[in-house]
Amino acid sequence: MESECYYCRGIVLTDEDDDILLDDHADHQVYMHKRCGESHNVIQERTESTATVEITCPECGAVEIH
């Protein structure tokens, strides 16, 4: 599956490690590159686990754990 990044409008391939799809929280989907999310401060490392991150949806402010 692919779409465009919310921030840079580049192509996002959801099967790539550094490409993200937010779709678990509302009736919309948001695609982004990990580097774009990090540069806009919507991705935060979780303190209890190094393998997961919290990502804030730029559309509605909901937080998903990936």
PDB file of N, CA and C in Angstrom:
ATOM      1  N   MET A   1       0.842  -1.166   0.000  1.00  0.00           N
ATOM      2  CA  MET A   1       0.000   0.000   0.000  1.00  0.00           C
ATOM      3  C   MET A   1       0.897   1.242   0.000  1.00  0.00           C
ATOM      4  N   GLU A   2       0.502   2.252  -0.730  1.00  0.00           N
ATOM      5  CA  GLU A   2       1.280   3.478  -0.749  1.00  0.00           C
ATOM      6  C   GLU A   2       0.359   4.686  -0.822  1.00  0.00           C
ATOM      7  N   SER A   3       0.857   5.790  -0.346  1.00  0.00           N
ATOM      8  CA  SER A   3       0.170   7.072  -0.423  1.00  0.00           C
ATOM      9  C   SER A   3       1.224   8.142  -0.247  1.00  0.00           C
ATOM     10  N   GLU A   4       0.792   9.373   0.007  1.00  0.00           N
ATOM     11  CA  GLU A   4       1.789  10.432   0.141  1.00  0.00           C
ATOM     12  C   GLU A   4       1.942  10.875   1.589  1.00  0.00           C
ATOM     13  N   CYS A   5       3.148  11.287   1.908  1.00  0.00           N
ATOM     14  CA  CYS A   5       3.496  11.734   3.249  1.00  0.00           C
ATOM     15  C   CYS A   5       2.700  12.996   3.605  1.00  0.00           C
ATOM     16  N   TYR A   6       2.167  13.013   4.810  1.00  0.00           N
ATOM     17  CA  TYR A   6       1.397  14.159   5.308  1.00  0.00           C
ATOM     18  C   TYR A   6       2.217  15.437   5.244  1.00  0.00           C
ATOM     19  N   TYR A   7       3.523  15.337   5.475  1.00  0.00           N
ATOM     20  CA  TYR A   7       4.373  16.521   5.547  1.00  0.00           C
ATOM     21  C   TYR A   7       5.034  16.895   4.226  1.00  0.00           C
ATOM     22  N   CYS A   8       5.737  15.961   3.606  1.00  0.00           N
ATOM     23  CA  CYS A   8       6.530  16.320   2.423  1.00  0.00           C
ATOM     24  C   CYS A   8       5.865  15.949   1.100  1.00  0.00           C
ATOM     25  N   ARG A   9       4.774  15.208   1.162  1.00  0.00           N
ATOM     26  CA  ARG A   9       4.020  14.755  -0.013  1.00  0.00           C
ATOM     27  C   ARG A   9       4.780  13.736  -0.860  1.00  0.00           C
ATOM     28  N   GLY A  10       5.876  13.188  -0.326  1.00  0.00           N
ATOM     29  CA  GLY A  10       6.598  12.120  -1.008  1.00  0.00           C
ATOM     30  C   GLY A  10       5.855  10.807  -0.842  1.00  0.00           C
ATOM     31  N   ILE A  11       6.227   9.806  -1.621  1.00  0.00           N
ATOM     32  CA  ILE A  11       5.565   8.508  -1.581  1.00  0.00           C
ATOM     33  C   ILE A  11       5.936   7.752  -0.305  1.00  0.00           C
ATOM     34  N   VAL A  12       4.923   7.214   0.359  1.00  0.00           N
ATOM     35  CA  VAL A  12       5.093   6.402   1.555  1.00  0.00           C
ATOM     36  C   VAL A  12       4.692   4.972   1.210  1.00  0.00           C
ATOM     37  N   LEU A  13       5.605   4.037   1.445  1.00  0.00           N
ATOM     38  CA  LEU A  13       5.342   2.611   1.234  1.00  0.00           C
ATOM     39  C   LEU A  13       5.216   1.974   2.612  1.00  0.00           C
ATOM     40  N   THR A  14       4.025   1.553   2.983  1.00  0.00           N
ATOM     41  CA  THR A  14       3.793   1.097   4.354  1.00  0.00           C
ATOM     42  C   THR A  14       4.524  -0.185   4.720  1.00  0.00           C
ATOM     43  N   ASP A  15       5.072  -0.901   3.752  1.00  0.00           N
ATOM     44  CA  ASP A  15       5.834  -2.095   4.087  1.00  0.00           C
ATOM     45  C   ASP A  15       7.318  -1.791   4.328  1.00  0.00           C
ATOM     46  N   GLU A  16       7.701  -0.526   4.244  1.00  0.00           N
ATOM     47  CA  GLU A  16       9.073  -0.099   4.540  1.00  0.00           C
ATOM     48  C   GLU A  16       9.183   0.241   6.030  1.00  0.00           C
ATOM     49  N   ASP A  17      10.342  -0.040   6.639  1.00  0.00           N
ATOM     50  CA  ASP A  17      10.532   0.193   8.071  1.00  0.00           C
ATOM     51  C   ASP A  17      10.385   1.653   8.481  1.00  0.00           C
ATOM     52  N   ASP A  18      10.826   2.572   7.649  1.00  0.00           N
ATOM     53  CA  ASP A  18      10.810   3.987   8.016  1.00  0.00           C
ATOM     54  C   ASP A  18       9.590   4.737   7.491  1.00  0.00           C
ATOM     55  N   ASP A  19       8.589   4.026   7.021  1.00  0.00           N
ATOM     56  CA  ASP A  19       7.346   4.645   6.560  1.00  0.00           C
ATOM     57  C   ASP A  19       6.219   4.224   7.496  1.00  0.00           C
ATOM     58  N   ILE A  20       5.344   5.153   7.828  1.00  0.00           N
ATOM     59  CA  ILE A  20       4.347   4.946   8.880  1.00  0.00           C
ATOM     60  C   ILE A  20       2.942   5.197   8.347  1.00  0.00           C
ATOM     61  N   LEU A  21       2.014   4.360   8.766  1.00  0.00           N
ATOM     62  CA  LEU A  21       0.596   4.554   8.500  1.00  0.00           C
ATOM     63  C   LEU A  21      -0.115   4.611   9.837  1.00  0.00           C
ATOM     64  N   LEU A  22      -0.781   5.723  10.114  1.00  0.00           N
ATOM     65  CA  LEU A  22      -1.616   5.840  11.309  1.00  0.00           C
ATOM     66  C   LEU A  22      -3.049   5.557  10.881  1.00  0.00           C
ATOM     67  N   ASP A  23      -3.623   4.477  11.411  1.00  0.00           N
ATOM     68  CA  ASP A  23      -4.994   4.133  11.021  1.00  0.00           C
ATOM     69  C   ASP A  23      -5.778   3.430  12.124  1.00  0.00           C
ATOM     70  N   ASP A  24      -5.257   3.404  13.350  1.00  0.00           N
ATOM     71  CA  ASP A  24      -5.891   2.657  14.430  1.00  0.00           C
ATOM     72  C   ASP A  24      -6.757   3.505  15.356  1.00  0.00           C
ATOM     73  N   HIS A  25      -6.967   4.778  15.077  1.00  0.00           N
ATOM     74  CA  HIS A  25      -7.597   5.627  16.073  1.00  0.00           C
ATOM     75  C   HIS A  25      -8.839   6.394  15.628  1.00  0.00           C
ATOM     76  N   ALA A  26      -9.092   6.541  14.360  1.00  0.00           N
ATOM     77  CA  ALA A  26     -10.221   7.363  13.917  1.00  0.00           C
ATOM     78  C   ALA A  26     -10.663   6.919  12.530  1.00  0.00           C
ATOM     79  N   ASP A  27     -11.448   7.745  11.881  1.00  0.00           N
ATOM     80  CA  ASP A  27     -11.973   7.403  10.561  1.00  0.00           C
ATOM     81  C   ASP A  27     -11.125   7.966   9.426  1.00  0.00           C
ATOM     82  N   HIS A  28      -9.884   8.283   9.726  1.00  0.00           N
ATOM     83  CA  HIS A  28      -8.973   8.778   8.691  1.00  0.00           C
ATOM     84  C   HIS A  28      -7.637   8.059   8.797  1.00  0.00           C
ATOM     85  N   GLN A  29      -6.868   8.122   7.725  1.00  0.00           N
ATOM     86  CA  GLN A  29      -5.534   7.532   7.699  1.00  0.00           C
ATOM     87  C   GLN A  29      -4.519   8.631   7.427  1.00  0.00           C
ATOM     88  N   VAL A  30      -3.385   8.539   8.095  1.00  0.00           N
ATOM     89  CA  VAL A  30      -2.302   9.494   7.892  1.00  0.00           C
ATOM     90  C   VAL A  30      -1.034   8.714   7.589  1.00  0.00           C
ATOM     91  N   TYR A  31      -0.404   9.042   6.496  1.00  0.00           N
ATOM     92  CA  TYR A  31       0.861   8.434   6.084  1.00  0.00           C
ATOM     93  C   TYR A  31       1.978   9.429   6.339  1.00  0.00           C
ATOM     94  N   MET A  32       3.145   8.922   6.763  1.00  0.00           N
ATOM     95  CA  MET A  32       4.300   9.804   6.919  1.00  0.00           C
ATOM     96  C   MET A  32       5.591   9.009   6.899  1.00  0.00           C
ATOM     97  N   HIS A  33       6.643   9.693   6.504  1.00  0.00           N
ATOM     98  CA  HIS A  33       7.988   9.132   6.631  1.00  0.00           C
ATOM     99  C   HIS A  33       8.424   9.332   8.075  1.00  0.00           C
ATOM    100  N   LYS A  34       9.174   8.389   8.601  1.00  0.00           N
ATOM    101  CA  LYS A  34       9.648   8.501   9.982  1.00  0.00           C
ATOM    102  C   LYS A  34      10.468   9.779  10.172  1.00  0.00           C
ATOM    103  N   ARG A  35      11.321  10.094   9.217  1.00  0.00           N
ATOM    104  CA  ARG A  35      12.162  11.292   9.360  1.00  0.00           C
ATOM    105  C   ARG A  35      11.333  12.571   9.362  1.00  0.00           C
ATOM    106  N   CYS A  36      10.229  12.599   8.619  1.00  0.00           N
ATOM    107  CA  CYS A  36       9.345  13.774   8.612  1.00  0.00           C
ATOM    108  C   CYS A  36       8.623  13.902   9.954  1.00  0.00           C
ATOM    109  N   GLY A  37       8.132  12.787  10.483  1.00  0.00           N
ATOM    110  CA  GLY A  37       7.478  12.810  11.787  1.00  0.00           C
ATOM    111  C   GLY A  37       8.420  13.239  12.896  1.00  0.00           C
ATOM    112  N   GLU A  38       9.659  12.756  12.831  1.00  0.00           N
ATOM    113  CA  GLU A  38      10.654  13.152  13.840  1.00  0.00           C
ATOM    114  C   GLU A  38      10.975  14.636  13.742  1.00  0.00           C
ATOM    115  N   SER A  39      11.078  15.158  12.536  1.00  0.00           N
ATOM    116  CA  SER A  39      11.418  16.583  12.387  1.00  0.00           C
ATOM    117  C   SER A  39      10.260  17.493  12.800  1.00  0.00           C
ATOM    118  N   HIS A  40       9.041  16.966  12.844  1.00  0.00           N
ATOM    119  CA  HIS A  40       7.886  17.745  13.295  1.00  0.00           C
ATOM    120  C   HIS A  40       7.481  17.383  14.726  1.00  0.00           C
ATOM    121  N   ASN A  41       8.338  16.633  15.412  1.00  0.00           N
ATOM    122  CA  ASN A  41       8.156  16.274  16.828  1.00  0.00           C
ATOM    123  C   ASN A  41       6.849  15.555  17.128  1.00  0.00           C
ATOM    124  N   VAL A  42       6.406  14.685  16.224  1.00  0.00           N
ATOM    125  CA  VAL A  42       5.204  13.887  16.492  1.00  0.00           C
ATOM    126  C   VAL A  42       5.552  12.450  16.859  1.00  0.00           C
ATOM    127  N   ILE A  43       6.840  12.098  16.839  1.00  0.00           N
ATOM    128  CA  ILE A  43       7.286  10.751  17.200  1.00  0.00           C
ATOM    129  C   ILE A  43       8.144  10.839  18.455  1.00  0.00           C
ATOM    130  N   GLN A  44       7.747  10.072  19.477  1.00  0.00           N
ATOM    131  CA  GLN A  44       8.471  10.054  20.743  1.00  0.00           C
ATOM    132  C   GLN A  44       8.817   8.620  21.103  1.00  0.00           C
ATOM    133  N   GLU A  45      10.067   8.385  21.506  1.00  0.00           N
ATOM    134  CA  GLU A  45      10.473   7.051  21.980  1.00  0.00           C
ATOM    135  C   GLU A  45       9.769   6.767  23.301  1.00  0.00           C
ATOM    136  N   ARG A  46       9.306   5.532  23.474  1.00  0.00           N
ATOM    137  CA  ARG A  46       8.694   5.131  24.739  1.00  0.00           C
ATOM    138  C   ARG A  46       9.795   4.781  25.719  1.00  0.00           C
ATOM    139  N   THR A  47       9.651   5.196  26.951  1.00  0.00           N
ATOM    140  CA  THR A  47      10.695   4.967  27.947  1.00  0.00           C
ATOM    141  C   THR A  47      10.777   3.510  28.383  1.00  0.00           C
ATOM    142  N   GLU A  48       9.648   2.789  28.398  1.00  0.00           N
ATOM    143  CA  GLU A  48       9.687   1.415  28.875  1.00  0.00           C
ATOM    144  C   GLU A  48      10.103   0.409  27.809  1.00  0.00           C
ATOM    145  N   SER A  49      10.193   0.836  26.548  1.00  0.00           N
ATOM    146  CA  SER A  49      10.579  -0.096  25.481  1.00  0.00           C
ATOM    147  C   SER A  49      11.304   0.659  24.373  1.00  0.00           C
ATOM    148  N   THR A  50      12.427   0.141  23.938  1.00  0.00           N
ATOM    149  CA  THR A  50      13.165   0.794  22.859  1.00  0.00           C
ATOM    150  C   THR A  50      12.630   0.408  21.485  1.00  0.00           C
ATOM    151  N   ALA A  51      11.786  -0.626  21.421  1.00  0.00           N
ATOM    152  CA  ALA A  51      11.292  -1.103  20.132  1.00  0.00           C
ATOM    153  C   ALA A  51      10.030  -0.374  19.669  1.00  0.00           C
ATOM    154  N   THR A  52       9.386   0.372  20.547  1.00  0.00           N
ATOM    155  CA  THR A  52       8.144   1.040  20.178  1.00  0.00           C
ATOM    156  C   THR A  52       8.251   2.547  20.354  1.00  0.00           C
ATOM    157  N   VAL A  53       7.403   3.238  19.609  1.00  0.00           N
ATOM    158  CA  VAL A  53       7.352   4.698  19.687  1.00  0.00           C
ATOM    159  C   VAL A  53       5.896   5.142  19.782  1.00  0.00           C
ATOM    160  N   GLU A  54       5.679   6.331  20.317  1.00  0.00           N
ATOM    161  CA  GLU A  54       4.367   6.957  20.332  1.00  0.00           C
ATOM    162  C   GLU A  54       4.341   7.988  19.218  1.00  0.00           C
ATOM    163  N   ILE A  55       3.311   7.926  18.397  1.00  0.00           N
ATOM    164  CA  ILE A  55       3.195   8.846  17.265  1.00  0.00           C
ATOM    165  C   ILE A  55       1.891   9.612  17.409  1.00  0.00           C
ATOM    166  N   THR A  56       1.977  10.934  17.420  1.00  0.00           N
ATOM    167  CA  THR A  56       0.810  11.786  17.523  1.00  0.00           C
ATOM    168  C   THR A  56       0.288  12.096  16.131  1.00  0.00           C
ATOM    169  N   CYS A  57      -0.995  11.864  15.928  1.00  0.00           N
ATOM    170  CA  CYS A  57      -1.611  12.126  14.630  1.00  0.00           C
ATOM    171  C   CYS A  57      -1.677  13.638  14.398  1.00  0.00           C
ATOM    172  N   PRO A  58      -1.126  14.117  13.286  1.00  0.00           N
ATOM    173  CA  PRO A  58      -1.170  15.553  13.012  1.00  0.00           C
ATOM    174  C   PRO A  58      -2.567  16.041  12.634  1.00  0.00           C
ATOM    175  N   GLU A  59      -3.463  15.133  12.304  1.00  0.00           N
ATOM    176  CA  GLU A  59      -4.843  15.504  11.941  1.00  0.00           C
ATOM    177  C   GLU A  59      -5.692  15.794  13.171  1.00  0.00           C
ATOM    178  N   CYS A  60      -5.596  14.917  14.192  1.00  0.00           N
ATOM    179  CA  CYS A  60      -6.531  15.018  15.311  1.00  0.00           C
ATOM    180  C   CYS A  60      -5.875  15.011  16.691  1.00  0.00           C
ATOM    181  N   GLY A  61      -4.580  14.715  16.778  1.00  0.00           N
ATOM    182  CA  GLY A  61      -3.887  14.715  18.064  1.00  0.00           C
ATOM    183  C   GLY A  61      -3.926  13.406  18.828  1.00  0.00           C
ATOM    184  N   ALA A  62      -4.578  12.391  18.295  1.00  0.00           N
ATOM    185  CA  ALA A  62      -4.597  11.074  18.952  1.00  0.00           C
ATOM    186  C   ALA A  62      -3.201  10.458  18.903  1.00  0.00           C
ATOM    187  N   VAL A  63      -2.889   9.616  19.876  1.00  0.00           N
ATOM    188  CA  VAL A  63      -1.575   8.983  19.940  1.00  0.00           C
ATOM    189  C   VAL A  63      -1.719   7.497  19.635  1.00  0.00           C
ATOM    190  N   GLU A  64      -0.886   7.012  18.720  1.00  0.00           N
ATOM    191  CA  GLU A  64      -0.813   5.584  18.421  1.00  0.00           C
ATOM    192  C   GLU A  64       0.551   5.073  18.841  1.00  0.00           C
ATOM    193  N   ILE A  65       0.592   3.801  19.233  1.00  0.00           N
ATOM    194  CA  ILE A  65       1.857   3.159  19.610  1.00  0.00           C
ATOM    195  C   ILE A  65       2.258   2.219  18.487  1.00  0.00           C
ATOM    196  N   HIS A  66       3.472   2.394  18.010  1.00  0.00           N
ATOM    197  CA  HIS A  66       4.003   1.571  16.918  1.00  0.00           C
ATOM    198  C   HIS A  66       5.319   0.944  17.337  1.00  0.00           C
TER     199      HIS A  66
END
